[in-house]
């Protein structure tokens, strides 16, 4: 579910993974791994995403708690 949510957030803002990585201060390959479900997102990056996407950490954590199917 998180992968879908992240994809939707990026699309809404017409961003690329590279742009998201730059705004979060992480490597583009890390964003790619999040999108594939290969790496977990750390709490500091969840906080940055919440600010960037104008949402709460609770919402992101809730989405993360749902299974990707």
Protein backbone atom coordinates (compact mmCIF):
# COMPACT_ATOMS: atom_id res chain seq x y z
CA UNK A 1 0.00 0.00 0.00
CA UNK A 2 2.84 2.42 0.79
CA UNK A 3 4.36 1.98 -2.66
CA UNK A 4 1.05 2.91 -4.28
CA UNK A 5 0.61 5.87 -1.93
CA UNK A 6 4.12 7.17 -2.64
CA UNK A 7 3.62 6.76 -6.38
CA UNK A 8 0.36 8.72 -6.18
CA UNK A 9 1.99 11.52 -4.18
CA UNK A 10 4.78 11.85 -6.74
CA UNK A 11 2.32 11.82 -9.64
CA UNK A 12 0.03 14.44 -8.05
CA UNK A 13 2.96 16.82 -7.86
CA UNK A 14 4.30 15.88 -11.28
CA UNK A 15 7.64 15.00 -9.72
CA UNK A 16 10.24 12.47 -10.71
CA UNK A 17 11.94 10.07 -8.34
CA UNK A 18 15.08 12.12 -8.82
CA UNK A 19 13.28 15.31 -7.75
CA UNK A 20 11.81 13.58 -4.70
CA UNK A 21 15.24 12.28 -3.75
CA UNK A 22 16.68 15.78 -4.01
CA UNK A 23 13.94 17.28 -1.85
CA UNK A 24 14.42 14.57 0.79
CA UNK A 25 18.23 14.69 0.62
CA UNK A 26 18.57 11.00 -0.27
CA UNK A 27 19.99 9.10 -3.20
CA UNK A 28 17.69 8.44 -6.14
CA UNK A 29 18.40 4.71 -5.85
CA UNK A 30 16.94 4.75 -2.33
CA UNK A 31 13.67 6.22 -3.60
CA UNK A 32 13.63 3.57 -6.29
CA UNK A 33 14.05 0.86 -3.64
CA UNK A 34 11.18 2.33 -1.60
CA UNK A 35 9.01 2.26 -4.72
CA UNK A 36 9.87 -1.42 -5.26
CA UNK A 37 9.38 -2.30 -1.60
CA UNK A 38 13.01 -3.34 -1.28
CA UNK A 39 13.97 -0.95 1.53
CA UNK A 40 12.05 0.38 4.52
CA UNK A 41 11.64 4.11 4.95
CA UNK A 42 13.34 5.51 8.06
CA UNK A 43 11.51 7.73 10.53
CA UNK A 44 13.51 10.85 9.58
CA UNK A 45 12.46 10.35 5.95
CA UNK A 46 8.84 9.76 6.96
CA UNK A 47 8.91 13.10 8.75
CA UNK A 48 10.41 14.81 5.68
CA UNK A 49 7.75 13.21 3.45
CA UNK A 50 4.97 14.37 5.74
CA UNK A 51 6.18 17.97 5.45
CA UNK A 52 6.78 17.72 1.71
CA UNK A 53 3.42 16.11 0.95
CA UNK A 54 1.53 18.27 3.47
CA UNK A 55 0.26 15.31 5.48
CA UNK A 56 0.91 13.76 8.86
CA UNK A 57 3.33 11.09 9.92
CA UNK A 58 0.32 9.22 11.30
CA UNK A 59 -1.21 9.01 7.82
CA UNK A 60 2.03 7.73 6.31
CA UNK A 61 2.53 5.17 9.08
CA UNK A 62 -1.07 4.04 8.67
CA UNK A 63 -0.51 3.49 4.96
CA UNK A 64 2.74 1.67 5.71
CA UNK A 65 0.90 -0.66 8.05
CA UNK A 66 -1.33 -1.92 5.25
CA UNK A 67 -0.11 -4.78 3.08
CA UNK A 68 0.96 -4.21 -0.51
CA UNK A 69 -1.10 -6.47 -2.72
